[in-house]
Amino acid sequence: MIFSEALFPASILPYPLSLIAEGLPFTYLMRASRAALISDSWTLYVTSMASLALGGIILLAVGIVAFSYAERSARARGFIDKKVM
């Protein structure tokens, strides 16, 4: 939450951390909720929600691939379905 504009804007963070903040879907959720509550601009709200959905889908796909790889690796090594007495 520290890097997601929940407490302060990501633009004041140092260079590597601001890139991380721009990649987090929660950052776009914070921007969308601020746009819906404070701003009169629907463009910012819709853009932020679209970025949130896209980032969420990308992170979901990366998570599924990582889980699948870890599960296959564990099955190949025999760590899954091993009987322990």
PDB file of N, CA and C in Angstrom:
ATOM      1  N   MET A   1       0.815  -1.197   0.000  1.00  0.00           N
ATOM      2  CA  MET A   1       0.000   0.000   0.000  1.00  0.00           C
ATOM      3  C   MET A   1       0.856   1.256   0.000  1.00  0.00           C
ATOM      4  N   ILE A   2       2.068   1.158   0.492  1.00  0.00           N
ATOM      5  CA  ILE A   2       2.923   2.337   0.547  1.00  0.00           C
ATOM      6  C   ILE A   2       3.231   2.846  -0.858  1.00  0.00           C
ATOM      7  N   PHE A   3       3.459   1.937  -1.798  1.00  0.00           N
ATOM      8  CA  PHE A   3       3.838   2.324  -3.147  1.00  0.00           C
ATOM      9  C   PHE A   3       2.640   2.524  -4.075  1.00  0.00           C
ATOM     10  N   SER A   4       1.431   2.443  -3.590  1.00  0.00           N
ATOM     11  CA  SER A   4       0.265   2.433  -4.475  1.00  0.00           C
ATOM     12  C   SER A   4      -0.552   3.719  -4.455  1.00  0.00           C
ATOM     13  N   GLU A   5       0.021   4.803  -4.061  1.00  0.00           N
ATOM     14  CA  GLU A   5      -0.662   6.094  -3.984  1.00  0.00           C
ATOM     15  C   GLU A   5      -1.786   6.127  -2.957  1.00  0.00           C
ATOM     16  N   ALA A   6      -1.793   5.207  -2.042  1.00  0.00           N
ATOM     17  CA  ALA A   6      -2.803   5.258  -0.988  1.00  0.00           C
ATOM     18  C   ALA A   6      -2.452   6.336   0.035  1.00  0.00           C
ATOM     19  N   LEU A   7      -1.175   6.548   0.269  1.00  0.00           N
ATOM     20  CA  LEU A   7      -0.739   7.529   1.258  1.00  0.00           C
ATOM     21  C   LEU A   7      -0.214   8.818   0.635  1.00  0.00           C
ATOM     22  N   PHE A   8       0.491   8.699  -0.483  1.00  0.00           N
ATOM     23  CA  PHE A   8       1.075   9.860  -1.155  1.00  0.00           C
ATOM     24  C   PHE A   8       1.247   9.537  -2.630  1.00  0.00           C
ATOM     25  N   PRO A   9       1.412  10.554  -3.484  1.00  0.00           N
ATOM     26  CA  PRO A   9       1.537  10.304  -4.917  1.00  0.00           C
ATOM     27  C   PRO A   9       2.814   9.537  -5.261  1.00  0.00           C
ATOM     28  N   ALA A  10       2.734   8.713  -6.270  1.00  0.00           N
ATOM     29  CA  ALA A  10       3.893   7.926  -6.696  1.00  0.00           C
ATOM     30  C   ALA A  10       4.954   8.802  -7.338  1.00  0.00           C
ATOM     31  N   SER A  11       4.597   9.984  -7.764  1.00  0.00           N
ATOM     32  CA  SER A  11       5.560  10.862  -8.432  1.00  0.00           C
ATOM     33  C   SER A  11       6.646  11.379  -7.489  1.00  0.00           C
ATOM     34  N   ILE A  12       6.422  11.338  -6.183  1.00  0.00           N
ATOM     35  CA  ILE A  12       7.452  11.816  -5.254  1.00  0.00           C
ATOM     36  C   ILE A  12       8.419  10.711  -4.852  1.00  0.00           C
ATOM     37  N   LEU A  13       8.171   9.484  -5.292  1.00  0.00           N
ATOM     38  CA  LEU A  13       9.073   8.382  -4.973  1.00  0.00           C
ATOM     39  C   LEU A  13      10.323   8.451  -5.834  1.00  0.00           C
ATOM     40  N   PRO A  14      11.443   7.887  -5.354  1.00  0.00           N
ATOM     41  CA  PRO A  14      12.642   7.811  -6.192  1.00  0.00           C
ATOM     42  C   PRO A  14      12.400   6.932  -7.413  1.00  0.00           C
ATOM     43  N   TYR A  15      13.299   7.027  -8.387  1.00  0.00           N
ATOM     44  CA  TYR A  15      13.104   6.413  -9.704  1.00  0.00           C
ATOM     45  C   TYR A  15      12.713   4.940  -9.680  1.00  0.00           C
ATOM     46  N   PRO A  16      13.418   4.027  -9.071  1.00  0.00           N
ATOM     47  CA  PRO A  16      12.983   2.628  -9.204  1.00  0.00           C
ATOM     48  C   PRO A  16      11.640   2.368  -8.515  1.00  0.00           C
ATOM     49  N   LEU A  17      11.382   3.038  -7.427  1.00  0.00           N
ATOM     50  CA  LEU A  17      10.132   2.806  -6.698  1.00  0.00           C
ATOM     51  C   LEU A  17       8.928   3.390  -7.438  1.00  0.00           C
ATOM     52  N   SER A  18       9.133   4.475  -8.160  1.00  0.00           N
ATOM     53  CA  SER A  18       8.012   5.036  -8.927  1.00  0.00           C
ATOM     54  C   SER A  18       7.608   4.102 -10.067  1.00  0.00           C
ATOM     55  N   LEU A  19       8.571   3.380 -10.644  1.00  0.00           N
ATOM     56  CA  LEU A  19       8.231   2.389 -11.667  1.00  0.00           C
ATOM     57  C   LEU A  19       7.427   1.240 -11.078  1.00  0.00           C
ATOM     58  N   ILE A  20       7.806   0.810  -9.890  1.00  0.00           N
ATOM     59  CA  ILE A  20       7.060  -0.258  -9.209  1.00  0.00           C
ATOM     60  C   ILE A  20       5.643   0.210  -8.917  1.00  0.00           C
ATOM     61  N   ALA A  21       5.510   1.444  -8.461  1.00  0.00           N
ATOM     62  CA  ALA A  21       4.183   1.990  -8.155  1.00  0.00           C
ATOM     63  C   ALA A  21       3.303   2.056  -9.393  1.00  0.00           C
ATOM     64  N   GLU A  22       3.884   2.393 -10.535  1.00  0.00           N
ATOM     65  CA  GLU A  22       3.100   2.457 -11.777  1.00  0.00           C
ATOM     66  C   GLU A  22       2.674   1.083 -12.261  1.00  0.00           C
ATOM     67  N   GLY A  23       3.344   0.037 -11.809  1.00  0.00           N
ATOM     68  CA  GLY A  23       2.993  -1.314 -12.230  1.00  0.00           C
ATOM     69  C   GLY A  23       1.980  -2.008 -11.339  1.00  0.00           C
ATOM     70  N   LEU A  24       1.652  -1.423 -10.218  1.00  0.00           N
ATOM     71  CA  LEU A  24       0.711  -2.051  -9.286  1.00  0.00           C
ATOM     72  C   LEU A  24      -0.741  -1.727  -9.656  1.00  0.00           C
ATOM     73  N   PRO A  25      -1.585  -2.739  -9.756  1.00  0.00           N
ATOM     74  CA  PRO A  25      -2.998  -2.469 -10.041  1.00  0.00           C
ATOM     75  C   PRO A  25      -3.685  -1.650  -8.947  1.00  0.00           C
ATOM     76  N   PHE A  26      -3.239  -1.777  -7.712  1.00  0.00           N
ATOM     77  CA  PHE A  26      -3.856  -1.032  -6.616  1.00  0.00           C
ATOM     78  C   PHE A  26      -3.664   0.475  -6.791  1.00  0.00           C
ATOM     79  N   THR A  27      -2.582   0.878  -7.453  1.00  0.00           N
ATOM     80  CA  THR A  27      -2.358   2.290  -7.758  1.00  0.00           C
ATOM     81  C   THR A  27      -3.500   2.830  -8.608  1.00  0.00           C
ATOM     82  N   TYR A  28      -3.912   2.053  -9.595  1.00  0.00           N
ATOM     83  CA  TYR A  28      -4.985   2.493 -10.484  1.00  0.00           C
ATOM     84  C   TYR A  28      -6.337   2.456  -9.786  1.00  0.00           C
ATOM     85  N   LEU A  29      -6.496   1.572  -8.823  1.00  0.00           N
ATOM     86  CA  LEU A  29      -7.720   1.579  -8.025  1.00  0.00           C
ATOM     87  C   LEU A  29      -7.803   2.853  -7.194  1.00  0.00           C
ATOM     88  N   MET A  30      -6.684   3.262  -6.616  1.00  0.00           N
ATOM     89  CA  MET A  30      -6.659   4.507  -5.835  1.00  0.00           C
ATOM     90  C   MET A  30      -6.946   5.715  -6.731  1.00  0.00           C
ATOM     91  N   ARG A  31      -6.357   5.725  -7.933  1.00  0.00           N
ATOM     92  CA  ARG A  31      -6.605   6.829  -8.857  1.00  0.00           C
ATOM     93  C   ARG A  31      -8.070   6.869  -9.289  1.00  0.00           C
ATOM     94  N   ALA A  32      -8.640   5.706  -9.558  1.00  0.00           N
ATOM     95  CA  ALA A  32     -10.039   5.649  -9.987  1.00  0.00           C
ATOM     96  C   ALA A  32     -10.971   6.103  -8.870  1.00  0.00           C
ATOM     97  N   SER A  33     -10.698   5.695  -7.641  1.00  0.00           N
ATOM     98  CA  SER A  33     -11.582   6.104  -6.551  1.00  0.00           C
ATOM     99  C   SER A  33     -11.455   7.594  -6.266  1.00  0.00           C
ATOM    100  N   ARG A  34     -10.249   8.137  -6.399  1.00  0.00           N
ATOM    101  CA  ARG A  34     -10.113   9.590  -6.243  1.00  0.00           C
ATOM    102  C   ARG A  34     -10.838  10.328  -7.360  1.00  0.00           C
ATOM    103  N   ALA A  35     -10.727   9.810  -8.579  1.00  0.00           N
ATOM    104  CA  ALA A  35     -11.402  10.452  -9.707  1.00  0.00           C
ATOM    105  C   ALA A  35     -12.915  10.397  -9.539  1.00  0.00           C
ATOM    106  N   ALA A  36     -13.421   9.306  -8.998  1.00  0.00           N
ATOM    107  CA  ALA A  36     -14.867   9.175  -8.818  1.00  0.00           C
ATOM    108  C   ALA A  36     -15.373  10.082  -7.693  1.00  0.00           C
ATOM    109  N   LEU A  37     -14.567  10.263  -6.659  1.00  0.00           N
ATOM    110  CA  LEU A  37     -15.020  11.050  -5.511  1.00  0.00           C
ATOM    111  C   LEU A  37     -14.732  12.537  -5.626  1.00  0.00           C
ATOM    112  N   ILE A  38     -13.581  12.886  -6.178  1.00  0.00           N
ATOM    113  CA  ILE A  38     -13.138  14.274  -6.156  1.00  0.00           C
ATOM    114  C   ILE A  38     -13.278  14.951  -7.511  1.00  0.00           C
ATOM    115  N   SER A  39     -12.797  14.284  -8.542  1.00  0.00           N
ATOM    116  CA  SER A  39     -12.730  14.906  -9.866  1.00  0.00           C
ATOM    117  C   SER A  39     -14.065  14.793 -10.594  1.00  0.00           C
ATOM    118  N   ASP A  40     -14.283  15.694 -11.526  1.00  0.00           N
ATOM    119  CA  ASP A  40     -15.467  15.631 -12.381  1.00  0.00           C
ATOM    120  C   ASP A  40     -15.181  14.923 -13.698  1.00  0.00           C
ATOM    121  N   SER A  41     -13.952  14.451 -13.863  1.00  0.00           N
ATOM    122  CA  SER A  41     -13.527  13.845 -15.117  1.00  0.00           C
ATOM    123  C   SER A  41     -13.801  12.337 -15.124  1.00  0.00           C
ATOM    124  N   TRP A  42     -14.690  11.904 -16.007  1.00  0.00           N
ATOM    125  CA  TRP A  42     -14.957  10.477 -16.154  1.00  0.00           C
ATOM    126  C   TRP A  42     -13.856   9.801 -16.958  1.00  0.00           C
ATOM    127  N   THR A  43     -13.112  10.583 -17.734  1.00  0.00           N
ATOM    128  CA  THR A  43     -12.030  10.018 -18.541  1.00  0.00           C
ATOM    129  C   THR A  43     -10.953   9.416 -17.648  1.00  0.00           C
ATOM    130  N   LEU A  44     -10.575  10.130 -16.595  1.00  0.00           N
ATOM    131  CA  LEU A  44      -9.572   9.614 -15.668  1.00  0.00           C
ATOM    132  C   LEU A  44     -10.081   8.363 -14.962  1.00  0.00           C
ATOM    133  N   TYR A  45     -11.341   8.358 -14.587  1.00  0.00           N
ATOM    134  CA  TYR A  45     -11.927   7.196 -13.917  1.00  0.00           C
ATOM    135  C   TYR A  45     -11.924   5.970 -14.836  1.00  0.00           C
ATOM    136  N   VAL A  46     -12.397   6.140 -16.066  1.00  0.00           N
ATOM    137  CA  VAL A  46     -12.476   5.013 -17.001  1.00  0.00           C
ATOM    138  C   VAL A  46     -11.083   4.521 -17.364  1.00  0.00           C
ATOM    139  N   THR A  47     -10.148   5.427 -17.579  1.00  0.00           N
ATOM    140  CA  THR A  47      -8.774   5.043 -17.897  1.00  0.00           C
ATOM    141  C   THR A  47      -8.143   4.268 -16.750  1.00  0.00           C
ATOM    142  N   SER A  48      -8.341   4.734 -15.544  1.00  0.00           N
ATOM    143  CA  SER A  48      -7.782   4.053 -14.381  1.00  0.00           C
ATOM    144  C   SER A  48      -8.402   2.675 -14.187  1.00  0.00           C
ATOM    145  N   MET A  49      -9.707   2.563 -14.386  1.00  0.00           N
ATOM    146  CA  MET A  49     -10.366   1.257 -14.242  1.00  0.00           C
ATOM    147  C   MET A  49      -9.922   0.284 -15.334  1.00  0.00           C
ATOM    148  N   ALA A  50      -9.708   0.775 -16.543  1.00  0.00           N
ATOM    149  CA  ALA A  50      -9.213  -0.092 -17.624  1.00  0.00           C
ATOM    150  C   ALA A  50      -7.794  -0.562 -17.323  1.00  0.00           C
ATOM    151  N   SER A  51      -6.949   0.331 -16.823  1.00  0.00           N
ATOM    152  CA  SER A  51      -5.588  -0.048 -16.447  1.00  0.00           C
ATOM    153  C   SER A  51      -5.604  -1.044 -15.287  1.00  0.00           C
ATOM    154  N   LEU A  52      -6.518  -0.849 -14.351  1.00  0.00           N
ATOM    155  CA  LEU A  52      -6.671  -1.776 -13.234  1.00  0.00           C
ATOM    156  C   LEU A  52      -7.053  -3.161 -13.721  1.00  0.00           C
ATOM    157  N   ALA A  53      -7.999  -3.242 -14.625  1.00  0.00           N
ATOM    158  CA  ALA A  53      -8.430  -4.542 -15.159  1.00  0.00           C
ATOM    159  C   ALA A  53      -7.314  -5.218 -15.941  1.00  0.00           C
ATOM    160  N   LEU A  54      -6.618  -4.462 -16.767  1.00  0.00           N
ATOM    161  CA  LEU A  54      -5.518  -5.023 -17.551  1.00  0.00           C
ATOM    162  C   LEU A  54      -4.390  -5.508 -16.648  1.00  0.00           C
ATOM    163  N   GLY A  55      -4.020  -4.704 -15.674  1.00  0.00           N
ATOM    164  CA  GLY A  55      -2.960  -5.109 -14.734  1.00  0.00           C
ATOM    165  C   GLY A  55      -3.354  -6.325 -13.920  1.00  0.00           C
ATOM    166  N   GLY A  56      -4.613  -6.388 -13.512  1.00  0.00           N
ATOM    167  CA  GLY A  56      -5.091  -7.552 -12.765  1.00  0.00           C
ATOM    168  C   GLY A  56      -5.056  -8.818 -13.593  1.00  0.00           C
ATOM    169  N   ILE A  57      -5.450  -8.714 -14.849  1.00  0.00           N
ATOM    170  CA  ILE A  57      -5.429  -9.877 -15.742  1.00  0.00           C
ATOM    171  C   ILE A  57      -3.996 -10.340 -15.977  1.00  0.00           C
ATOM    172  N   ILE A  58      -3.073  -9.392 -16.167  1.00  0.00           N
ATOM    173  CA  ILE A  58      -1.670  -9.758 -16.379  1.00  0.00           C
ATOM    174  C   ILE A  58      -1.093 -10.429 -15.141  1.00  0.00           C
ATOM    175  N   LEU A  59      -1.339  -9.862 -13.964  1.00  0.00           N
ATOM    176  CA  LEU A  59      -0.822 -10.471 -12.736  1.00  0.00           C
ATOM    177  C   LEU A  59      -1.467 -11.832 -12.465  1.00  0.00           C
ATOM    178  N   LEU A  60      -2.725 -11.993 -12.801  1.00  0.00           N
ATOM    179  CA  LEU A  60      -3.381 -13.288 -12.650  1.00  0.00           C
ATOM    180  C   LEU A  60      -2.733 -14.328 -13.554  1.00  0.00           C
ATOM    181  N   ALA A  61      -2.458 -13.952 -14.797  1.00  0.00           N
ATOM    182  CA  ALA A  61      -1.814 -14.879 -15.735  1.00  0.00           C
ATOM    183  C   ALA A  61      -0.419 -15.255 -15.262  1.00  0.00           C
ATOM    184  N   VAL A  62       0.351 -14.285 -14.775  1.00  0.00           N
ATOM    185  CA  VAL A  62       1.693 -14.576 -14.263  1.00  0.00           C
ATOM    186  C   VAL A  62       1.609 -15.498 -13.051  1.00  0.00           C
ATOM    187  N   GLY A  63       0.650 -15.272 -12.177  1.00  0.00           N
ATOM    188  CA  GLY A  63       0.473 -16.124 -11.008  1.00  0.00           C
ATOM    189  C   GLY A  63       0.098 -17.549 -11.375  1.00  0.00           C
ATOM    190  N   ILE A  64      -0.787 -17.708 -12.350  1.00  0.00           N
ATOM    191  CA  ILE A  64      -1.188 -19.050 -12.783  1.00  0.00           C
ATOM    192  C   ILE A  64      -0.010 -19.781 -13.405  1.00  0.00           C
ATOM    193  N   VAL A  65       0.782 -19.091 -14.221  1.00  0.00           N
ATOM    194  CA  VAL A  65       1.963 -19.721 -14.837  1.00  0.00           C
ATOM    195  C   VAL A  65       2.977 -20.116 -13.767  1.00  0.00           C
ATOM    196  N   ALA A  66       3.226 -19.240 -12.801  1.00  0.00           N
ATOM    197  CA  ALA A  66       4.176 -19.558 -11.735  1.00  0.00           C
ATOM    198  C   ALA A  66       3.693 -20.735 -10.895  1.00  0.00           C
ATOM    199  N   PHE A  67       2.414 -20.768 -10.570  1.00  0.00           N
ATOM    200  CA  PHE A  67       1.869 -21.872  -9.796  1.00  0.00           C
ATOM    201  C   PHE A  67       1.959 -23.180 -10.568  1.00  0.00           C
ATOM    202  N   SER A  68       1.628 -23.136 -11.844  1.00  0.00           N
ATOM    203  CA  SER A  68       1.688 -24.330 -12.679  1.00  0.00           C
ATOM    204  C   SER A  68       3.112 -24.863 -12.760  1.00  0.00           C
ATOM    205  N   TYR A  69       4.083 -23.962 -12.945  1.00  0.00           N
ATOM    206  CA  TYR A  69       5.481 -24.379 -12.999  1.00  0.00           C
ATOM    207  C   TYR A  69       5.925 -25.011 -11.676  1.00  0.00           C
ATOM    208  N   ALA A  70       5.562 -24.381 -10.561  1.00  0.00           N
ATOM    209  CA  ALA A  70       5.950 -24.897  -9.253  1.00  0.00           C
ATOM    210  C   ALA A  70       5.300 -26.250  -8.978  1.00  0.00           C
ATOM    211  N   GLU A  71       4.039 -26.404  -9.379  1.00  0.00           N
ATOM    212  CA  GLU A  71       3.357 -27.675  -9.159  1.00  0.00           C
ATOM    213  C   GLU A  71       3.983 -28.789  -9.998  1.00  0.00           C
ATOM    214  N   ARG A  72       4.277 -28.516 -11.265  1.00  0.00           N
ATOM    215  CA  ARG A  72       4.928 -29.527 -12.116  1.00  0.00           C
ATOM    216  C   ARG A  72       6.296 -29.899 -11.576  1.00  0.00           C
ATOM    217  N   SER A  73       7.031 -28.906 -11.123  1.00  0.00           N
ATOM    218  CA  SER A  73       8.354 -29.161 -10.573  1.00  0.00           C
ATOM    219  C   SER A  73       8.268 -30.006  -9.298  1.00  0.00           C
ATOM    220  N   ALA A  74       7.304 -29.706  -8.445  1.00  0.00           N
ATOM    221  CA  ALA A  74       7.144 -30.476  -7.207  1.00  0.00           C
ATOM    222  C   ALA A  74       6.694 -31.905  -7.493  1.00  0.00           C
ATOM    223  N   ARG A  75       5.818 -32.084  -8.474  1.00  0.00           N
ATOM    224  CA  ARG A  75       5.396 -33.442  -8.839  1.00  0.00           C
ATOM    225  C   ARG A  75       6.555 -34.237  -9.437  1.00  0.00           C
ATOM    226  N   ALA A  76       7.368 -33.577 -10.252  1.00  0.00           N
ATOM    227  CA  ALA A  76       8.512 -34.270 -10.865  1.00  0.00           C
ATOM    228  C   ALA A  76       9.538 -34.673  -9.817  1.00  0.00           C
ATOM    229  N   ARG A  77       9.689 -33.894  -8.787  1.00  0.00           N
ATOM    230  CA  ARG A  77      10.637 -34.216  -7.715  1.00  0.00           C
ATOM    231  C   ARG A  77      10.045 -35.154  -6.674  1.00  0.00           C
ATOM    232  N   GLY A  78       8.756 -35.367  -6.733  1.00  0.00           N
ATOM    233  CA  GLY A  78       8.101 -36.284  -5.806  1.00  0.00           C
ATOM    234  C   GLY A  78       7.652 -35.670  -4.502  1.00  0.00           C
ATOM    235  N   PHE A  79       7.555 -34.368  -4.442  1.00  0.00           N
ATOM    236  CA  PHE A  79       7.129 -33.713  -3.206  1.00  0.00           C
ATOM    237  C   PHE A  79       5.608 -33.700  -3.042  1.00  0.00           C
ATOM    238  N   ILE A  80       4.877 -33.859  -4.128  1.00  0.00           N
ATOM    239  CA  ILE A  80       3.421 -33.911  -4.079  1.00  0.00           C
ATOM    240  C   ILE A  80       3.011 -35.381  -4.203  1.00  0.00           C
ATOM    241  N   ASP A  81       1.979 -35.758  -3.483  1.00  0.00           N
ATOM    242  CA  ASP A  81       1.476 -37.137  -3.450  1.00  0.00           C
ATOM    243  C   ASP A  81       2.500 -38.103  -2.841  1.00  0.00           C
ATOM    244  N   LYS A  82       3.297 -37.611  -1.926  1.00  0.00           N
ATOM    245  CA  LYS A  82       4.259 -38.474  -1.247  1.00  0.00           C
ATOM    246  C   LYS A  82       3.638 -38.898   0.078  1.00  0.00           C
ATOM    247  N   LYS A  83       3.699 -40.199   0.365  1.00  0.00           N
ATOM    248  CA  LYS A  83       3.152 -40.694   1.626  1.00  0.00           C
ATOM    249  C   LYS A  83       4.167 -40.500   2.730  1.00  0.00           C
ATOM    250  N   VAL A  84       3.689 -39.920   3.818  1.00  0.00           N
ATOM    251  CA  VAL A  84       4.549 -39.675   4.988  1.00  0.00           C
ATOM    252  C   VAL A  84       4.000 -40.508   6.131  1.00  0.00           C
ATOM    253  N   MET A  85       4.843 -41.281   6.722  1.00  0.00           N
ATOM    254  CA  MET A  85       4.406 -42.126   7.837  1.00  0.00           C
ATOM    255  C   MET A  85       4.763 -41.518   9.154  1.00  0.00           C
TER     256      MET A  85
END
